[in-house]
Amino acid sequence: MDTKPNILLVDDDELYLYLMEKTIQQLSKELIVTTFTDGEQAVEYIAECTAQKMELPEVIFLDINMPFLDGWGFLT
């Protein structure tokens, strides 16, 4: 079974997330784009993917300066 490439966007700016998602989807309809507004949500998503043996994102666009769990916290 072939899987579509998966991209993860993590940023607290919802307008940026919307614009990036639309821009990426215009590049190819074959891409799956998942978005989160803080690092905690993204970590939970990654943990869920790992626990359920789902495909992990191939590319992550990560904002470093976010409330709650910032990009540096996500990386550690």
PDB file of N, CA and C in Angstrom:
ATOM      1  N   MET A   1       0.833  -1.184   0.000  1.00  0.00           N
ATOM      2  CA  MET A   1       0.000   0.000   0.000  1.00  0.00           C
ATOM      3  C   MET A   1       0.875   1.244   0.000  1.00  0.00           C
ATOM      4  N   ASP A   2       0.688   2.099  -0.966  1.00  0.00           N
ATOM      5  CA  ASP A   2       1.435   3.348  -1.029  1.00  0.00           C
ATOM      6  C   ASP A   2       0.765   4.389  -0.143  1.00  0.00           C
ATOM      7  N   THR A   3       1.576   5.112   0.620  1.00  0.00           N
ATOM      8  CA  THR A   3       1.041   6.168   1.456  1.00  0.00           C
ATOM      9  C   THR A   3       1.422   7.517   0.867  1.00  0.00           C
ATOM     10  N   LYS A   4       0.579   8.500   1.124  1.00  0.00           N
ATOM     11  CA  LYS A   4       0.858   9.842   0.635  1.00  0.00           C
ATOM     12  C   LYS A   4       1.862  10.515   1.568  1.00  0.00           C
ATOM     13  N   PRO A   5       2.736  11.354   1.028  1.00  0.00           N
ATOM     14  CA  PRO A   5       3.668  12.100   1.876  1.00  0.00           C
ATOM     15  C   PRO A   5       2.908  12.945   2.886  1.00  0.00           C
ATOM     16  N   ASN A   6       3.427  12.967   4.115  1.00  0.00           N
ATOM     17  CA  ASN A   6       2.769  13.623   5.223  1.00  0.00           C
ATOM     18  C   ASN A   6       3.618  14.789   5.710  1.00  0.00           C
ATOM     19  N   ILE A   7       3.006  15.970   5.818  1.00  0.00           N
ATOM     20  CA  ILE A   7       3.692  17.170   6.292  1.00  0.00           C
ATOM     21  C   ILE A   7       2.992  17.654   7.547  1.00  0.00           C
ATOM     22  N   LEU A   8       3.766  18.024   8.571  1.00  0.00           N
ATOM     23  CA  LEU A   8       3.228  18.524   9.824  1.00  0.00           C
ATOM     24  C   LEU A   8       3.594  20.002   9.959  1.00  0.00           C
ATOM     25  N   LEU A   9       2.589  20.846  10.214  1.00  0.00           N
ATOM     26  CA  LEU A   9       2.789  22.275  10.461  1.00  0.00           C
ATOM     27  C   LEU A   9       2.438  22.560  11.911  1.00  0.00           C
ATOM     28  N   VAL A  10       3.349  23.204  12.648  1.00  0.00           N
ATOM     29  CA  VAL A  10       3.095  23.553  14.047  1.00  0.00           C
ATOM     30  C   VAL A  10       3.406  25.032  14.219  1.00  0.00           C
ATOM     31  N   ASP A  11       2.354  25.823  14.480  1.00  0.00           N
ATOM     32  CA  ASP A  11       2.520  27.267  14.649  1.00  0.00           C
ATOM     33  C   ASP A  11       1.315  27.813  15.401  1.00  0.00           C
ATOM     34  N   ASP A  12       1.527  28.786  16.282  1.00  0.00           N
ATOM     35  CA  ASP A  12       0.415  29.358  17.040  1.00  0.00           C
ATOM     36  C   ASP A  12      -0.366  30.396  16.229  1.00  0.00           C
ATOM     37  N   ASP A  13       0.114  30.773  15.078  1.00  0.00           N
ATOM     38  CA  ASP A  13      -0.562  31.737  14.207  1.00  0.00           C
ATOM     39  C   ASP A  13      -1.481  30.985  13.237  1.00  0.00           C
ATOM     40  N   GLU A  14      -2.783  31.030  13.493  1.00  0.00           N
ATOM     41  CA  GLU A  14      -3.732  30.265  12.685  1.00  0.00           C
ATOM     42  C   GLU A  14      -3.797  30.735  11.235  1.00  0.00           C
ATOM     43  N   LEU A  15      -3.587  32.032  10.997  1.00  0.00           N
ATOM     44  CA  LEU A  15      -3.572  32.539   9.634  1.00  0.00           C
ATOM     45  C   LEU A  15      -2.386  31.957   8.861  1.00  0.00           C
ATOM     46  N   TYR A  16      -1.224  31.905   9.501  1.00  0.00           N
ATOM     47  CA  TYR A  16      -0.043  31.308   8.876  1.00  0.00           C
ATOM     48  C   TYR A  16      -0.300  29.839   8.541  1.00  0.00           C
ATOM     49  N   LEU A  17      -0.898  29.100   9.495  1.00  0.00           N
ATOM     50  CA  LEU A  17      -1.205  27.687   9.246  1.00  0.00           C
ATOM     51  C   LEU A  17      -2.125  27.529   8.045  1.00  0.00           C
ATOM     52  N   TYR A  18      -3.149  28.361   7.980  1.00  0.00           N
ATOM     53  CA  TYR A  18      -4.108  28.288   6.872  1.00  0.00           C
ATOM     54  C   TYR A  18      -3.410  28.554   5.536  1.00  0.00           C
ATOM     55  N   LEU A  19      -2.627  29.627   5.484  1.00  0.00           N
ATOM     56  CA  LEU A  19      -1.952  29.992   4.235  1.00  0.00           C
ATOM     57  C   LEU A  19      -0.925  28.934   3.820  1.00  0.00           C
ATOM     58  N   MET A  20      -0.168  28.410   4.775  1.00  0.00           N
ATOM     59  CA  MET A  20       0.815  27.373   4.452  1.00  0.00           C
ATOM     60  C   MET A  20       0.136  26.096   3.965  1.00  0.00           C
ATOM     61  N   GLU A  21      -0.959  25.717   4.614  1.00  0.00           N
ATOM     62  CA  GLU A  21      -1.670  24.506   4.204  1.00  0.00           C
ATOM     63  C   GLU A  21      -2.198  24.645   2.778  1.00  0.00           C
ATOM     64  N   LYS A  22      -2.797  25.794   2.472  1.00  0.00           N
ATOM     65  CA  LYS A  22      -3.324  26.016   1.120  1.00  0.00           C
ATOM     66  C   LYS A  22      -2.196  26.054   0.092  1.00  0.00           C
ATOM     67  N   THR A  23      -1.088  26.677   0.432  1.00  0.00           N
ATOM     68  CA  THR A  23       0.054  26.751  -0.479  1.00  0.00           C
ATOM     69  C   THR A  23       0.613  25.354  -0.763  1.00  0.00           C
ATOM     70  N   ILE A  24       0.778  24.556   0.272  1.00  0.00           N
ATOM     71  CA  ILE A  24       1.312  23.205   0.098  1.00  0.00           C
ATOM     72  C   ILE A  24       0.358  22.357  -0.725  1.00  0.00           C
ATOM     73  N   GLN A  25      -0.939  22.469  -0.463  1.00  0.00           N
ATOM     74  CA  GLN A  25      -1.912  21.668  -1.197  1.00  0.00           C
ATOM     75  C   GLN A  25      -1.986  22.072  -2.668  1.00  0.00           C
ATOM     76  N   GLN A  26      -1.652  23.319  -2.990  1.00  0.00           N
ATOM     77  CA  GLN A  26      -1.609  23.734  -4.393  1.00  0.00           C
ATOM     78  C   GLN A  26      -0.420  23.103  -5.107  1.00  0.00           C
ATOM     79  N   LEU A  27       0.629  22.786  -4.374  1.00  0.00           N
ATOM     80  CA  LEU A  27       1.798  22.148  -4.984  1.00  0.00           C
ATOM     81  C   LEU A  27       1.467  20.739  -5.449  1.00  0.00           C
ATOM     82  N   SER A  28       0.685  20.034  -4.614  1.00  0.00           N
ATOM     83  CA  SER A  28       0.318  18.666  -4.966  1.00  0.00           C
ATOM     84  C   SER A  28      -0.869  18.226  -4.131  1.00  0.00           C
ATOM     85  N   LYS A  29      -1.829  17.619  -4.784  1.00  0.00           N
ATOM     86  CA  LYS A  29      -2.997  17.069  -4.081  1.00  0.00           C
ATOM     87  C   LYS A  29      -2.642  15.761  -3.385  1.00  0.00           C
ATOM     88  N   GLU A  30      -1.455  15.239  -3.649  1.00  0.00           N
ATOM     89  CA  GLU A  30      -1.012  13.972  -3.077  1.00  0.00           C
ATOM     90  C   GLU A  30      -0.417  14.127  -1.677  1.00  0.00           C
ATOM     91  N   LEU A  31      -0.314  15.357  -1.178  1.00  0.00           N
ATOM     92  CA  LEU A  31       0.283  15.595   0.127  1.00  0.00           C
ATOM     93  C   LEU A  31      -0.784  15.637   1.210  1.00  0.00           C
ATOM     94  N   ILE A  32      -0.488  15.050   2.350  1.00  0.00           N
ATOM     95  CA  ILE A  32      -1.358  15.149   3.519  1.00  0.00           C
ATOM     96  C   ILE A  32      -0.740  16.190   4.443  1.00  0.00           C
ATOM     97  N   VAL A  33      -1.517  17.221   4.812  1.00  0.00           N
ATOM     98  CA  VAL A  33      -1.029  18.277   5.682  1.00  0.00           C
ATOM     99  C   VAL A  33      -1.802  18.213   7.002  1.00  0.00           C
ATOM    100  N   THR A  34      -1.070  18.086   8.108  1.00  0.00           N
ATOM    101  CA  THR A  34      -1.655  18.078   9.436  1.00  0.00           C
ATOM    102  C   THR A  34      -1.155  19.315  10.165  1.00  0.00           C
ATOM    103  N   THR A  35      -2.057  20.030  10.866  1.00  0.00           N
ATOM    104  CA  THR A  35      -1.667  21.266  11.538  1.00  0.00           C
ATOM    105  C   THR A  35      -2.031  21.227  13.017  1.00  0.00           C
ATOM    106  N   PHE A  36      -1.202  21.903  13.819  1.00  0.00           N
ATOM    107  CA  PHE A  36      -1.460  22.073  15.247  1.00  0.00           C
ATOM    108  C   PHE A  36      -1.026  23.465  15.655  1.00  0.00           C
ATOM    109  N   THR A  37      -1.688  24.017  16.679  1.00  0.00           N
ATOM    110  CA  THR A  37      -1.392  25.381  17.117  1.00  0.00           C
ATOM    111  C   THR A  37      -0.437  25.445  18.304  1.00  0.00           C
ATOM    112  N   ASP A  38      -0.049  24.313  18.859  1.00  0.00           N
ATOM    113  CA  ASP A  38       0.994  24.334  19.888  1.00  0.00           C
ATOM    114  C   ASP A  38       1.763  23.013  19.904  1.00  0.00           C
ATOM    115  N   GLY A  39       2.926  23.075  20.514  1.00  0.00           N
ATOM    116  CA  GLY A  39       3.817  21.933  20.517  1.00  0.00           C
ATOM    117  C   GLY A  39       3.273  20.720  21.254  1.00  0.00           C
ATOM    118  N   GLU A  40       2.479  20.951  22.317  1.00  0.00           N
ATOM    119  CA  GLU A  40       1.911  19.828  23.074  1.00  0.00           C
ATOM    120  C   GLU A  40       1.022  18.962  22.182  1.00  0.00           C
ATOM    121  N   GLN A  41       0.198  19.609  21.370  1.00  0.00           N
ATOM    122  CA  GLN A  41      -0.668  18.861  20.458  1.00  0.00           C
ATOM    123  C   GLN A  41       0.161  18.058  19.470  1.00  0.00           C
ATOM    124  N   ALA A  42       1.220  18.653  18.973  1.00  0.00           N
ATOM    125  CA  ALA A  42       2.074  17.972  17.997  1.00  0.00           C
ATOM    126  C   ALA A  42       2.787  16.780  18.625  1.00  0.00           C
ATOM    127  N   VAL A  43       3.249  16.920  19.870  1.00  0.00           N
ATOM    128  CA  VAL A  43       3.908  15.805  20.561  1.00  0.00           C
ATOM    129  C   VAL A  43       2.910  14.671  20.762  1.00  0.00           C
ATOM    130  N   GLU A  44       1.677  14.999  21.158  1.00  0.00           N
ATOM    131  CA  GLU A  44       0.641  13.976  21.337  1.00  0.00           C
ATOM    132  C   GLU A  44       0.362  13.257  20.011  1.00  0.00           C
ATOM    133  N   TYR A  45       0.329  14.009  18.915  1.00  0.00           N
ATOM    134  CA  TYR A  45       0.109  13.427  17.593  1.00  0.00           C
ATOM    135  C   TYR A  45       1.239  12.458  17.221  1.00  0.00           C
ATOM    136  N   ILE A  46       2.474  12.884  17.450  1.00  0.00           N
ATOM    137  CA  ILE A  46       3.632  12.037  17.151  1.00  0.00           C
ATOM    138  C   ILE A  46       3.578  10.764  18.011  1.00  0.00           C
ATOM    139  N   ALA A  47       3.244  10.927  19.294  1.00  0.00           N
ATOM    140  CA  ALA A  47       3.149   9.764  20.192  1.00  0.00           C
ATOM    141  C   ALA A  47       2.049   8.812  19.731  1.00  0.00           C
ATOM    142  N   GLU A  48       0.917   9.358  19.291  1.00  0.00           N
ATOM    143  CA  GLU A  48      -0.183   8.530  18.798  1.00  0.00           C
ATOM    144  C   GLU A  48       0.229   7.779  17.529  1.00  0.00           C
ATOM    145  N   CYS A  49       0.903   8.470  16.629  1.00  0.00           N
ATOM    146  CA  CYS A  49       1.390   7.821  15.404  1.00  0.00           C
ATOM    147  C   CYS A  49       2.330   6.673  15.743  1.00  0.00           C
ATOM    148  N   THR A  50       3.210   6.899  16.692  1.00  0.00           N
ATOM    149  CA  THR A  50       4.166   5.872  17.094  1.00  0.00           C
ATOM    150  C   THR A  50       3.453   4.692  17.749  1.00  0.00           C
ATOM    151  N   ALA A  51       2.520   4.987  18.656  1.00  0.00           N
ATOM    152  CA  ALA A  51       1.805   3.920  19.367  1.00  0.00           C
ATOM    153  C   ALA A  51       0.959   3.066  18.423  1.00  0.00           C
ATOM    154  N   GLN A  52       0.353   3.706  17.425  1.00  0.00           N
ATOM    155  CA  GLN A  52      -0.515   2.986  16.498  1.00  0.00           C
ATOM    156  C   GLN A  52       0.224   2.525  15.244  1.00  0.00           C
ATOM    157  N   LYS A  53       1.548   2.699  15.248  1.00  0.00           N
ATOM    158  CA  LYS A  53       2.396   2.293  14.120  1.00  0.00           C
ATOM    159  C   LYS A  53       1.936   2.923  12.796  1.00  0.00           C
ATOM    160  N   MET A  54       1.535   4.200  12.884  1.00  0.00           N
ATOM    161  CA  MET A  54       1.150   4.969  11.701  1.00  0.00           C
ATOM    162  C   MET A  54       2.396   5.655  11.151  1.00  0.00           C
ATOM    163  N   GLU A  55       2.299   6.080   9.892  1.00  0.00           N
ATOM    164  CA  GLU A  55       3.403   6.813   9.276  1.00  0.00           C
ATOM    165  C   GLU A  55       3.644   8.132  10.013  1.00  0.00           C
ATOM    166  N   LEU A  56       4.901   8.410  10.323  1.00  0.00           N
ATOM    167  CA  LEU A  56       5.264   9.691  10.922  1.00  0.00           C
ATOM    168  C   LEU A  56       5.397  10.741   9.819  1.00  0.00           C
ATOM    169  N   PRO A  57       5.241  12.026  10.166  1.00  0.00           N
ATOM    170  CA  PRO A  57       5.428  13.067   9.155  1.00  0.00           C
ATOM    171  C   PRO A  57       6.827  13.005   8.561  1.00  0.00           C
ATOM    172  N   GLU A  58       6.896  13.232   7.269  1.00  0.00           N
ATOM    173  CA  GLU A  58       8.191  13.246   6.595  1.00  0.00           C
ATOM    174  C   GLU A  58       8.882  14.595   6.728  1.00  0.00           C
ATOM    175  N   VAL A  59       8.066  15.661   6.851  1.00  0.00           N
ATOM    176  CA  VAL A  59       8.578  17.019   6.994  1.00  0.00           C
ATOM    177  C   VAL A  59       7.791  17.707   8.099  1.00  0.00           C
ATOM    178  N   ILE A  60       8.494  18.449   8.974  1.00  0.00           N
ATOM    179  CA  ILE A  60       7.833  19.216  10.028  1.00  0.00           C
ATOM    180  C   ILE A  60       8.279  20.664   9.905  1.00  0.00           C
ATOM    181  N   PHE A  61       7.309  21.572   9.728  1.00  0.00           N
ATOM    182  CA  PHE A  61       7.567  23.013   9.783  1.00  0.00           C
ATOM    183  C   PHE A  61       7.170  23.450  11.183  1.00  0.00           C
ATOM    184  N   LEU A  62       8.135  23.959  11.963  1.00  0.00           N
ATOM    185  CA  LEU A  62       7.951  24.189  13.387  1.00  0.00           C
ATOM    186  C   LEU A  62       8.278  25.624  13.760  1.00  0.00           C
ATOM    187  N   ASP A  63       7.314  26.298  14.395  1.00  0.00           N
ATOM    188  CA  ASP A  63       7.546  27.638  14.939  1.00  0.00           C
ATOM    189  C   ASP A  63       8.314  27.482  16.242  1.00  0.00           C
ATOM    190  N   ILE A  64       9.370  28.229  16.417  1.00  0.00           N
ATOM    191  CA  ILE A  64      10.182  28.126  17.623  1.00  0.00           C
ATOM    192  C   ILE A  64       9.552  28.912  18.778  1.00  0.00           C
ATOM    193  N   ASN A  65       8.927  30.050  18.499  1.00  0.00           N
ATOM    194  CA  ASN A  65       8.383  30.926  19.537  1.00  0.00           C
ATOM    195  C   ASN A  65       6.866  30.755  19.641  1.00  0.00           C
ATOM    196  N   MET A  66       6.434  29.863  20.551  1.00  0.00           N
ATOM    197  CA  MET A  66       5.005  29.613  20.759  1.00  0.00           C
ATOM    198  C   MET A  66       4.721  29.570  22.259  1.00  0.00           C
ATOM    199  N   PRO A  67       3.472  29.880  22.652  1.00  0.00           N
ATOM    200  CA  PRO A  67       3.107  29.700  24.069  1.00  0.00           C
ATOM    201  C   PRO A  67       2.981  28.210  24.388  1.00  0.00           C
ATOM    202  N   PHE A  68       2.816  27.872  25.648  1.00  0.00           N
ATOM    203  CA  PHE A  68       2.719  26.491  26.121  1.00  0.00           C
ATOM    204  C   PHE A  68       4.033  25.776  25.823  1.00  0.00           C
ATOM    205  N   LEU A  69       4.027  24.821  24.948  1.00  0.00           N
ATOM    206  CA  LEU A  69       5.253  24.111  24.588  1.00  0.00           C
ATOM    207  C   LEU A  69       5.795  24.719  23.293  1.00  0.00           C
ATOM    208  N   ASP A  70       6.932  25.396  23.383  1.00  0.00           N
ATOM    209  CA  ASP A  70       7.490  26.061  22.193  1.00  0.00           C
ATOM    210  C   ASP A  70       8.258  25.058  21.330  1.00  0.00           C
ATOM    211  N   GLY A  71       8.802  25.553  20.244  1.00  0.00           N
ATOM    212  CA  GLY A  71       9.516  24.698  19.305  1.00  0.00           C
ATOM    213  C   GLY A  71      10.731  24.020  19.918  1.00  0.00           C
ATOM    214  N   TRP A  72      11.454  24.728  20.791  1.00  0.00           N
ATOM    215  CA  TRP A  72      12.612  24.119  21.434  1.00  0.00           C
ATOM    216  C   TRP A  72      12.188  22.973  22.329  1.00  0.00           C
ATOM    217  N   GLY A  73      11.088  23.147  23.060  1.00  0.00           N
ATOM    218  CA  GLY A  73      10.576  22.085  23.909  1.00  0.00           C
ATOM    219  C   GLY A  73      10.123  20.887  23.099  1.00  0.00           C
ATOM    220  N   PHE A  74       9.528  21.148  21.956  1.00  0.00           N
ATOM    221  CA  PHE A  74       9.092  20.076  21.060  1.00  0.00           C
ATOM    222  C   PHE A  74      10.289  19.249  20.599  1.00  0.00           C
ATOM    223  N   LEU A  75      11.378  19.912  20.290  1.00  0.00           N
ATOM    224  CA  LEU A  75      12.562  19.230  19.779  1.00  0.00           C
ATOM    225  C   LEU A  75      13.278  18.398  20.841  1.00  0.00           C
ATOM    226  N   THR A  76      13.093  18.732  22.105  1.00  0.00           N
ATOM    227  CA  THR A  76      13.784  17.968  23.161  1.00  0.00           C
ATOM    228  C   THR A  76      12.933  16.918  23.708  1.00  0.00           C
TER     229      THR A  76
END
